[in-house]
Amino acid sequence: MKVIICGAGKVGTSIAKHLVSQRNDVTVIDQSLELINDIKEKVDLKTINGSASNPSILKKAGAEETDMIIAVTLHDEINMVACQMAHTFFKIPRKIARLRSEDFLNPIWRDLYNADNMPIDLIISPELEVAKSIERQLKAPGAYDVVPFLNDEIELLSLPINENCPLVDTNLKSIHELFQENSNKDKDLRASILGINRGDNLFIPKKSDSLLKGDLIYILSDKNHVKRTMSAFGLNEKPIKKIIIVGGGNIGFNLAKDIEIHHSDISVCIIENNNERAKYIADQLGNTLVLNGDGLDQNILDEANIRDTDMMLALTNDDETNIIISAVGKKNNCESLILVNNSEYNKLKDVLGISKVIDPRKITVSKILKHVHRGRIESVYSIGNNQAELIHAQALKSSKLLNKSIKESNLPNGMRIGLMKKKDQIIIPNKETIIEENDEILFFCMTEDLKNAEDLFKIREAY
């Protein structure tokens, strides 16, 4: 597949690395020669220095033979015009744009984005996606992330293994036996461990591998069994009832709005330093307390009643400020979740004493990659630093796996099937499970084996 990526920043670079690793033909366009030179050093691809909104630049990038354009520059207008040029002059079939402006994202303008007006097939808003991700985490305190699959019937949980976990030093064979024994009975736990992040190493564990303190595990669970799954790993946190959001930008504002609509049992206070912005969000929200002031000011925090708060969310635009806010929250015995734009801080979270981190780049990339795949891919979640994907696919007539047991399927070493839905029933498959047409399959796959996995499922189809 030939792809043009407009924007060589962190998001564009992450997507480019991922697509190149899957042997796609990728060209990156950016106005910054410094960013172009930087991405050339990191990734083996073609680059063009210039504006992606210029049709002659798109032509130079090979737009006439391109299958997809992904516009993720820092400027909404350039992303929109690049998609317009791609449609009008080059008939590029798939057009994805990142938009940040609240005005462009306002639902009253949704009819603008169609082939007759502004031809964008998919709009990605990092702020809205991050707000949704945080909202999911509020439902499952203790999880680093919660991602729904199969119309919310199954959830992918990212769970930390800490000193309270009763399964530390237990091998996976014993854990899987605990989860899967008599799995046809409704009382038994339908959950499957697919990956472990240990330090900087993400891997698919063998049955002989044991969980260690400090691991981050990726586990699929029947939605009805999420609380029991988390309890099995010693995560019995009380429900979130009160939060403080420091930073009333697009993320904080949209999160508060979502909570008002979907979680009336959660009390929200926003602390915003800018007086005009504080007035604006106070006018837009109905049940949220908005305080104008500095989120590092103890008097303001006391006014927000931090000592009775379950979680503080540091969502300003400054990473260092967010880290300090996290420390202040810890001082007040309040768990913190912080937003970081520099992924290097993610690696230092243990040293800095940060319990939870939200990385907008990772969330945005994951959302875009979902729409890069073709065929019967229903959803995708990018794991680690694009080291693996959790994929929901449907077994087609053309699949090489059809009517074979998992044992007979010769799955790549970097692929692990997690949960399946057969005839409206969610099951934990074993080696004898036969894959049948229209089975819904959730599988974990390391990036280097994605091509092989897709070939087995025959999920890449021509446009």
Protein backbone atom coordinates (compact mmCIF):
# COMPACT_ATOMS: atom_id res chain seq x y z
CA MET A 1 0.00 0.00 0.00
CA LYS A 2 1.24 3.49 -0.86
CA VAL A 3 0.67 6.11 1.85
CA ILE A 4 1.45 9.84 2.04
CA ILE A 5 1.87 11.22 5.57
CA CYS A 6 1.62 15.00 5.91
CA GLY A 7 3.54 16.06 9.00
CA ALA A 8 6.86 14.76 10.33
CA GLY A 9 6.20 15.50 13.99
CA LYS A 10 5.87 12.88 16.74
CA VAL A 11 2.55 11.49 15.48
CA GLY A 12 3.60 11.44 11.83
CA THR A 13 6.92 9.79 12.70
CA SER A 14 5.23 7.12 14.83
CA ILE A 15 2.76 6.26 12.06
CA ALA A 16 5.54 6.23 9.46
CA LYS A 17 7.66 3.83 11.54
CA HIS A 18 4.72 1.50 11.95
CA LEU A 19 3.74 1.48 8.28
CA VAL A 20 7.31 1.08 7.04
CA SER A 21 7.80 -1.87 9.43
CA GLN A 22 4.85 -3.49 7.61
CA ARG A 23 6.61 -2.92 4.28
CA ASN A 24 4.28 -0.20 3.02
CA ASP A 25 5.50 2.44 0.56
CA VAL A 26 5.54 5.63 2.67
CA THR A 27 6.30 9.24 1.74
CA VAL A 28 6.39 12.01 4.37
CA ILE A 29 5.81 15.70 3.62
CA ASP A 30 6.72 18.55 5.97
CA GLN A 31 7.58 22.24 5.69
CA SER A 32 10.31 21.91 8.31
CA LEU A 33 13.61 20.78 6.82
CA GLU A 34 14.81 19.96 10.35
CA LEU A 35 11.92 17.53 10.91
CA ILE A 36 12.42 16.02 7.45
CA ASN A 37 16.09 15.39 8.14
CA ASP A 38 15.26 13.95 11.55
CA ILE A 39 12.71 11.45 10.22
CA LYS A 40 15.10 10.39 7.43
CA GLU A 41 17.63 9.41 10.09
CA LYS A 42 15.04 7.33 11.98
CA VAL A 43 13.03 5.68 9.18
CA ASP A 44 13.84 4.33 5.72
CA LEU A 45 11.31 6.22 3.58
CA LYS A 46 10.85 8.97 1.00
CA THR A 47 10.57 12.58 2.12
CA ILE A 48 9.42 15.85 0.53
CA ASN A 49 10.18 19.27 2.00
CA GLY A 50 7.19 21.57 1.37
CA SER A 51 3.58 22.32 2.22
CA ALA A 52 1.15 19.40 1.99
CA SER A 53 -1.60 21.83 0.98
CA ASN A 54 0.23 22.52 -2.29
CA PRO A 55 -0.96 20.20 -5.11
CA SER A 56 2.43 20.30 -6.83
CA ILE A 57 4.03 18.96 -3.63
CA LEU A 58 1.45 16.17 -3.43
CA LYS A 59 2.12 15.33 -7.08
CA LYS A 60 5.85 15.22 -6.37
CA ALA A 61 5.08 12.78 -3.51
CA GLY A 62 3.34 10.42 -5.94
CA ALA A 63 -0.26 11.27 -5.06
CA GLU A 64 -1.55 9.91 -8.37
CA GLU A 65 -0.67 6.35 -7.30
CA THR A 66 -1.44 6.74 -3.58
CA ASP A 67 -3.98 4.64 -1.65
CA MET A 68 -4.21 6.79 1.49
CA ILE A 69 -3.26 10.23 2.77
CA ILE A 70 -2.84 10.88 6.50
CA ALA A 71 -2.68 14.61 7.32
CA VAL A 72 -1.30 15.18 10.82
CA THR A 73 0.51 18.51 10.58
CA LEU A 74 0.15 20.97 13.45
CA HIS A 75 -2.24 23.12 11.40
CA ASP A 76 -5.89 22.11 10.92
CA GLU A 77 -6.23 24.22 7.78
CA ILE A 78 -3.28 22.52 6.07
CA ASN A 79 -4.66 19.08 6.98
CA MET A 80 -8.08 19.98 5.57
CA VAL A 81 -6.73 21.48 2.35
CA ALA A 82 -4.34 18.53 1.84
CA CYS A 83 -7.35 16.17 1.94
CA GLN A 84 -9.26 18.44 -0.44
CA MET A 85 -6.35 18.47 -2.93
CA ALA A 86 -5.93 14.70 -2.56
CA HIS A 87 -9.60 14.19 -3.46
CA THR A 88 -10.04 16.80 -6.18
CA PHE A 89 -6.84 16.36 -8.18
CA PHE A 90 -5.59 12.86 -7.35
CA LYS A 91 -8.67 10.82 -6.37
CA ILE A 92 -6.87 9.31 -3.35
CA PRO A 93 -9.40 6.78 -1.93
CA ARG A 94 -8.78 7.24 1.82
CA LYS A 95 -8.22 10.58 3.54
CA ILE A 96 -7.54 10.97 7.28
CA ALA A 97 -7.05 14.35 8.98
CA ARG A 98 -6.16 15.39 12.50
CA LEU A 99 -8.22 18.41 13.62
CA ARG A 100 -7.85 20.23 16.93
CA SER A 101 -10.04 23.34 16.67
CA GLU A 102 -13.22 23.16 18.76
CA ASP A 103 -15.02 25.05 16.01
CA PHE A 104 -14.10 22.56 13.27
CA LEU A 105 -15.20 19.71 15.55
CA ASN A 106 -18.54 21.25 16.54
CA PRO A 107 -21.34 18.75 15.72
CA ILE A 108 -23.36 21.49 14.00
CA TRP A 109 -20.79 21.44 11.17
CA ARG A 110 -20.67 17.66 10.76
CA ASP A 111 -22.33 17.86 7.31
CA LEU A 112 -19.30 19.78 6.06
CA TYR A 113 -17.15 16.65 5.92
CA ASN A 114 -18.31 14.77 2.85
CA ALA A 115 -17.24 14.25 -0.77
CA ASP A 116 -19.20 17.30 -1.99
CA ASN A 117 -17.74 19.74 0.55
CA MET A 118 -14.66 18.84 2.59
CA PRO A 119 -13.77 15.25 1.58
CA ILE A 120 -12.31 13.79 4.78
CA ASP A 121 -13.13 10.14 5.45
CA LEU A 122 -11.95 10.14 9.05
CA ILE A 123 -11.36 13.02 11.47
CA ILE A 124 -9.08 12.40 14.43
CA SER A 125 -9.21 14.78 17.38
CA PRO A 126 -6.40 14.02 19.87
CA GLU A 127 -8.12 15.98 22.61
CA LEU A 128 -11.43 14.13 22.23
CA GLU A 129 -9.68 10.75 22.04
CA VAL A 130 -7.64 11.48 25.18
CA ALA A 131 -10.79 12.60 27.03
CA LYS A 132 -12.48 9.30 26.07
CA SER A 133 -9.45 7.32 27.22
CA ILE A 134 -9.45 9.03 30.63
CA GLU A 135 -13.20 8.49 30.97
CA ARG A 136 -12.67 4.74 30.40
CA GLN A 137 -10.02 4.64 33.11
CA LEU A 138 -12.39 6.26 35.60
CA LYS A 139 -14.66 3.23 35.17
CA ALA A 140 -11.88 0.86 36.23
CA PRO A 141 -9.69 2.51 38.91
CA GLY A 142 -6.34 0.77 39.06
CA ALA A 143 -6.11 0.07 35.32
CA TYR A 144 -3.68 2.05 33.17
CA ASP A 145 -6.08 1.84 30.24
CA VAL A 146 -9.40 0.25 29.31
CA VAL A 147 -10.21 -0.27 25.63
CA PRO A 148 -13.59 -1.65 24.48
CA PHE A 149 -13.94 -4.24 21.70
CA LEU A 150 -16.83 -6.16 20.14
CA ASN A 151 -19.43 -3.47 20.84
CA ASP A 152 -18.20 -3.17 24.44
CA GLU A 153 -18.64 -6.89 25.14
CA ILE A 154 -14.89 -7.37 25.69
CA GLU A 155 -12.35 -4.99 27.22
CA LEU A 156 -8.59 -4.84 26.96
CA LEU A 157 -7.12 -3.91 30.35
CA SER A 158 -3.61 -2.63 30.96
CA LEU A 159 -2.92 -3.66 34.56
CA PRO A 160 0.14 -2.93 36.72
CA ILE A 161 1.53 -5.78 38.79
CA ASN A 162 2.35 -4.34 42.21
CA GLU A 163 3.19 -5.65 45.66
CA ASN A 164 -0.51 -6.25 46.42
CA CYS A 165 -0.93 -8.67 43.52
CA PRO A 166 -1.47 -12.22 44.85
CA LEU A 167 -0.26 -13.66 41.52
CA VAL A 168 3.29 -12.27 41.66
CA ASP A 169 5.83 -15.02 40.91
CA THR A 170 3.00 -17.28 39.65
CA ASN A 171 3.56 -18.82 36.21
CA LEU A 172 1.02 -18.23 33.48
CA LYS A 173 0.11 -21.88 33.17
CA SER A 174 -1.28 -21.78 36.71
CA ILE A 175 -2.98 -18.43 36.10
CA HIS A 176 -4.62 -19.59 32.86
CA GLU A 177 -5.82 -22.76 34.54
CA LEU A 178 -7.36 -20.60 37.24
CA PHE A 179 -9.13 -18.47 34.62
CA GLN A 180 -10.06 -21.15 32.10
CA GLU A 181 -11.04 -24.14 34.19
CA ASN A 182 -14.61 -25.12 33.31
CA SER A 183 -14.84 -22.01 31.12
CA ASN A 184 -18.27 -22.97 29.82
CA LYS A 185 -19.72 -22.25 33.24
CA ASP A 186 -20.87 -18.68 33.66
CA LYS A 187 -19.28 -18.43 37.10
CA ASP A 188 -15.76 -18.90 35.76
CA LEU A 189 -13.52 -16.03 34.73
CA ARG A 190 -13.30 -15.31 30.99
CA ALA A 191 -9.98 -13.48 30.77
CA SER A 192 -6.74 -14.05 28.88
CA ILE A 193 -3.26 -12.57 29.40
CA LEU A 194 -1.78 -11.71 26.00
CA GLY A 195 1.27 -9.53 26.58
CA ILE A 196 3.67 -8.35 29.26
CA ASN A 197 5.60 -5.09 29.29
CA ARG A 198 8.69 -5.56 31.45
CA GLY A 199 10.90 -2.49 31.53
CA ASP A 200 11.35 -1.54 27.87
CA ASN A 201 10.59 -5.07 26.67
CA LEU A 202 7.12 -6.02 25.38
CA PHE A 203 6.63 -9.74 24.76
CA ILE A 204 4.07 -12.51 24.42
CA PRO A 205 4.61 -14.68 27.51
CA LYS A 206 5.06 -18.45 27.50
CA LYS A 207 3.21 -20.68 29.96
CA SER A 208 6.40 -21.07 31.98
CA ASP A 209 6.83 -17.30 32.41
CA SER A 210 5.88 -15.79 35.76
CA LEU A 211 4.52 -12.35 36.60
CA LEU A 212 6.99 -10.03 38.32
CA LYS A 213 6.42 -6.96 40.42
CA GLY A 214 6.62 -3.92 38.14
CA ASP A 215 5.21 -5.68 35.07
CA LEU A 216 2.44 -4.12 33.03
CA ILE A 217 0.16 -6.79 31.59
CA TYR A 218 -2.33 -6.67 28.73
CA ILE A 219 -5.33 -8.84 29.45
CA LEU A 220 -8.62 -9.37 27.60
CA SER A 221 -11.71 -9.80 29.74
CA ASP A 222 -15.41 -10.34 29.23
CA LYS A 223 -16.89 -6.95 30.19
CA ASN A 224 -19.06 -8.63 32.84
CA HIS A 225 -15.93 -10.05 34.46
CA VAL A 226 -13.75 -6.91 34.57
CA LYS A 227 -14.16 -6.30 38.31
CA ARG A 228 -13.38 -9.93 39.11
CA THR A 229 -10.39 -9.87 36.76
CA MET A 230 -8.95 -6.79 38.44
CA SER A 231 -9.65 -8.26 41.87
CA ALA A 232 -7.69 -11.39 40.91
CA PHE A 233 -4.65 -9.13 40.44
CA GLY A 234 -5.16 -7.33 43.75
CA LEU A 235 -6.73 -4.22 42.22
CA ASN A 236 -9.76 -3.55 44.42
CA GLU A 237 -9.82 0.23 44.31
CA LYS A 238 -12.97 1.97 45.42
CA PRO A 239 -15.11 3.62 42.72
CA ILE A 240 -14.16 7.15 41.68
CA LYS A 241 -16.64 9.63 43.15
CA LYS A 242 -14.79 12.95 43.03
CA ILE A 243 -12.07 14.27 40.70
CA ILE A 244 -10.16 17.51 40.28
CA ILE A 245 -9.08 18.48 36.76
CA VAL A 246 -6.19 20.94 36.61
CA GLY A 247 -6.30 22.53 33.17
CA GLY A 248 -9.50 23.55 31.41
CA GLY A 249 -8.23 23.13 27.85
CA ASN A 250 -9.96 21.00 25.24
CA ILE A 251 -9.14 17.74 27.04
CA GLY A 252 -10.24 18.85 30.50
CA PHE A 253 -13.35 20.56 29.17
CA ASN A 254 -14.47 17.62 27.01
CA LEU A 255 -13.79 15.16 29.81
CA ALA A 256 -15.94 17.17 32.23
CA LYS A 257 -18.69 17.42 29.61
CA ASP A 258 -18.63 13.62 29.03
CA ILE A 259 -18.74 12.96 32.78
CA GLU A 260 -21.76 15.24 33.18
CA ILE A 261 -23.57 13.28 30.46
CA HIS A 262 -22.52 9.71 31.29
CA HIS A 263 -21.39 9.68 34.95
CA SER A 264 -23.71 11.79 37.05
CA ASP A 265 -22.40 10.01 40.16
CA ILE A 266 -18.92 11.57 39.73
CA SER A 267 -18.34 15.06 41.13
CA VAL A 268 -15.96 17.23 39.05
CA CYS A 269 -14.01 20.39 39.82
CA ILE A 270 -11.90 22.15 37.14
CA ILE A 271 -9.08 24.52 38.10
CA GLU A 272 -8.18 26.82 35.20
CA ASN A 273 -5.56 29.57 35.38
CA ASN A 274 -6.90 31.70 32.52
CA ASN A 275 -9.81 33.87 33.68
CA GLU A 276 -11.58 34.10 30.29
CA ARG A 277 -11.27 30.36 29.68
CA ALA A 278 -12.57 29.63 33.18
CA LYS A 279 -15.64 31.80 32.52
CA TYR A 280 -16.22 30.11 29.14
CA ILE A 281 -16.15 26.53 30.46
CA ALA A 282 -18.25 27.52 33.50
CA ASP A 283 -20.91 28.85 31.09
CA GLN A 284 -20.79 25.65 29.00
CA LEU A 285 -20.97 23.17 31.88
CA GLY A 286 -23.92 22.67 34.19
CA ASN A 287 -22.84 20.56 37.17
CA THR A 288 -19.07 21.15 37.25
CA LEU A 289 -17.42 23.47 39.77
CA VAL A 290 -14.96 25.77 37.93
CA LEU A 291 -12.29 27.62 39.91
CA ASN A 292 -10.08 30.30 38.41
CA GLY A 293 -6.57 29.96 39.81
CA ASP A 294 -3.27 28.08 39.93
CA GLY A 295 -3.52 24.31 40.34
CA LEU A 296 -0.30 24.43 42.39
CA ASP A 297 -1.81 26.84 44.92
CA GLN A 298 -2.69 24.92 48.09
CA ASN A 299 -5.43 27.42 48.93
CA ILE A 300 -7.13 26.74 45.60
CA LEU A 301 -6.72 22.99 46.12
CA ASP A 302 -8.24 23.29 49.58
CA GLU A 303 -11.16 25.22 48.08
CA ALA A 304 -11.57 22.34 45.60
CA ASN A 305 -11.61 20.00 48.64
CA ILE A 306 -8.60 17.96 47.53
CA ARG A 307 -8.49 15.94 50.76
CA ASP A 308 -11.81 14.29 49.85
CA THR A 309 -10.86 13.82 46.19
CA ASP A 310 -10.26 10.35 44.71
CA MET A 311 -8.14 11.43 41.75
CA MET A 312 -6.44 14.55 40.44
CA LEU A 313 -5.94 14.88 36.67
CA ALA A 314 -3.05 17.10 35.58
CA LEU A 315 -4.09 18.13 32.06
CA THR A 316 -2.29 21.41 31.38
CA ASN A 317 -0.27 21.91 28.19
CA ASP A 318 3.03 21.88 30.10
CA ASP A 319 4.58 18.49 30.99
CA GLU A 320 6.74 19.84 33.79
CA THR A 321 3.76 21.59 35.41
CA ASN A 322 1.77 18.35 35.21
CA ILE A 323 4.57 16.43 36.91
CA ILE A 324 4.71 18.98 39.75
CA ILE A 325 0.90 18.85 40.08
CA SER A 326 1.19 15.07 40.42
CA ALA A 327 3.67 15.54 43.29
CA VAL A 328 1.32 18.01 44.98
CA GLY A 329 -1.52 15.51 44.62
CA LYS A 330 0.64 12.82 46.22
CA LYS A 331 1.42 15.16 49.11
CA ASN A 332 -2.34 15.51 49.63
CA ASN A 333 -2.83 11.71 49.51
CA CYS A 334 -4.62 11.98 46.17
CA GLU A 335 -3.86 9.66 43.25
CA SER A 336 -2.86 11.50 40.10
CA LEU A 337 -3.11 10.91 36.38
CA ILE A 338 -0.96 13.20 34.25
CA LEU A 339 -0.82 14.21 30.60
CA VAL A 340 2.62 14.08 28.97
CA ASN A 341 3.45 15.15 25.44
CA ASN A 342 7.12 14.13 25.72
CA SER A 343 7.11 10.34 25.75
CA GLU A 344 10.54 10.32 27.45
CA TYR A 345 8.76 11.19 30.71
CA ASN A 346 6.75 7.99 30.34
CA LYS A 347 9.96 6.01 30.75
CA LEU A 348 10.76 7.93 33.94
CA LYS A 349 7.37 7.65 35.62
CA ASP A 350 8.63 5.24 38.30
CA VAL A 351 11.63 7.47 39.11
CA LEU A 352 9.37 10.53 39.26
CA GLY A 353 6.78 8.75 41.39
CA ILE A 354 4.05 9.10 38.77
CA SER A 355 1.36 6.41 38.99
CA LYS A 356 -0.50 6.98 35.72
CA VAL A 357 0.42 8.69 32.47
CA ILE A 358 -1.68 9.65 29.44
CA ASP A 359 0.25 9.95 26.15
CA PRO A 360 -1.82 11.79 23.49
CA ARG A 361 0.58 10.73 20.71
CA LYS A 362 0.11 7.06 21.47
CA ILE A 363 -3.68 7.38 21.62
CA THR A 364 -3.81 9.35 18.34
CA VAL A 365 -1.54 6.91 16.52
CA SER A 366 -3.58 3.96 17.74
CA LYS A 367 -6.80 5.55 16.49
CA ILE A 368 -5.31 6.26 13.05
CA LEU A 369 -3.80 2.79 12.67
CA LYS A 370 -7.24 1.29 13.22
CA HIS A 371 -8.27 2.80 9.88
CA VAL A 372 -5.11 1.89 8.00
CA HIS A 373 -6.01 -1.80 7.93
CA ARG A 374 -8.46 -3.05 5.32
CA GLY A 375 -10.83 -5.99 4.95
CA ARG A 376 -12.64 -7.37 8.00
CA ILE A 377 -10.60 -5.49 10.59
CA GLU A 378 -13.14 -4.16 13.07
CA SER A 379 -10.79 -2.37 15.44
CA VAL A 380 -7.14 -2.03 16.36
CA TYR A 381 -5.30 -0.86 19.45
CA SER A 382 -1.60 -0.04 19.26
CA ILE A 383 0.40 -1.33 22.24
CA GLY A 384 3.68 -0.10 23.66
CA ASN A 385 5.68 2.14 21.36
CA ASN A 386 3.88 0.66 18.34
CA GLN A 387 5.54 -2.66 19.22
CA ALA A 388 2.33 -4.68 18.91
CA GLU A 389 -1.36 -4.45 18.07
CA LEU A 390 -4.51 -5.92 19.54
CA ILE A 391 -6.70 -6.67 16.52
CA HIS A 392 -10.35 -7.63 16.21
CA ALA A 393 -10.92 -9.51 12.95
CA GLN A 394 -13.67 -11.63 11.47
CA ALA A 395 -12.87 -15.00 9.90
CA LEU A 396 -13.66 -14.86 6.18
CA LYS A 397 -14.31 -17.63 3.69
CA SER A 398 -10.87 -16.87 2.25
CA SER A 399 -9.06 -17.25 5.57
CA LYS A 400 -6.34 -19.92 5.72
CA LEU A 401 -7.47 -20.59 9.30
CA LEU A 402 -10.99 -21.63 8.36
CA ASN A 403 -12.09 -25.04 9.66
CA LYS A 404 -8.73 -25.63 11.36
CA SER A 405 -8.03 -25.98 15.04
CA ILE A 406 -5.71 -23.41 16.58
CA LYS A 407 -3.18 -26.22 17.04
CA GLU A 408 -3.21 -26.89 13.29
CA SER A 409 -3.04 -23.24 12.27
CA ASN A 410 0.73 -22.67 12.53
CA LEU A 411 0.31 -19.23 14.06
CA PRO A 412 3.41 -16.99 13.96
CA ASN A 413 5.46 -16.90 17.17
CA GLY A 414 4.56 -13.25 17.61
CA MET A 415 0.81 -13.84 17.55
CA ARG A 416 -1.56 -14.95 20.30
CA ILE A 417 -5.33 -15.43 20.00
CA GLY A 418 -7.09 -14.11 23.11
CA LEU A 419 -10.89 -14.30 23.23
CA MET A 420 -13.35 -15.33 20.52
CA LYS A 421 -17.04 -14.84 19.90
CA LYS A 422 -18.73 -17.91 18.43
CA LYS A 423 -22.45 -17.87 17.72
CA ASP A 424 -23.05 -14.99 20.16
CA GLN A 425 -21.00 -16.64 22.93
CA ILE A 426 -17.66 -15.30 24.20
CA ILE A 427 -15.15 -18.09 24.80
CA ILE A 428 -11.53 -18.57 25.77
CA PRO A 429 -10.17 -20.71 22.91
CA ASN A 430 -7.78 -23.61 23.45
CA LYS A 431 -5.60 -25.61 21.04
CA GLU A 432 -8.57 -27.74 19.96
CA THR A 433 -10.87 -24.79 19.15
CA ILE A 434 -11.96 -24.84 15.48
CA ILE A 435 -12.08 -21.49 13.67
CA GLU A 436 -15.28 -21.18 11.66
CA GLU A 437 -16.61 -18.64 9.20
CA ASN A 438 -17.79 -15.38 10.81
CA ASP A 439 -16.06 -16.12 14.12
CA GLU A 440 -15.01 -12.86 15.79
CA ILE A 441 -11.39 -13.19 16.88
CA LEU A 442 -9.33 -10.92 19.10
CA PHE A 443 -5.60 -11.47 18.72
CA PHE A 444 -2.40 -9.88 19.99
CA CYS A 445 0.37 -9.56 17.40
CA MET A 446 3.89 -8.20 17.52
CA THR A 447 4.48 -5.66 14.75
CA GLU A 448 7.06 -7.79 12.93
CA ASP A 449 4.51 -10.60 12.49
CA LEU A 450 1.53 -8.51 11.38
CA LYS A 451 1.98 -9.33 7.69
CA ASN A 452 1.98 -13.06 8.45
CA ALA A 453 -1.08 -12.74 10.69
CA GLU A 454 -2.97 -10.73 8.08
CA ASP A 455 -2.08 -13.34 5.45
CA LEU A 456 -3.59 -16.07 7.64
CA PHE A 457 -6.81 -14.12 8.08
CA LYS A 458 -6.81 -12.71 4.55
CA ILE A 459 -7.88 -9.40 6.06
CA ARG A 460 -6.05 -7.18 3.62
CA GLU A 461 -8.20 -6.70 0.56
CA ALA A 462 -7.82 -4.44 -2.43
CA TYR A 463 -9.68 -1.14 -2.53
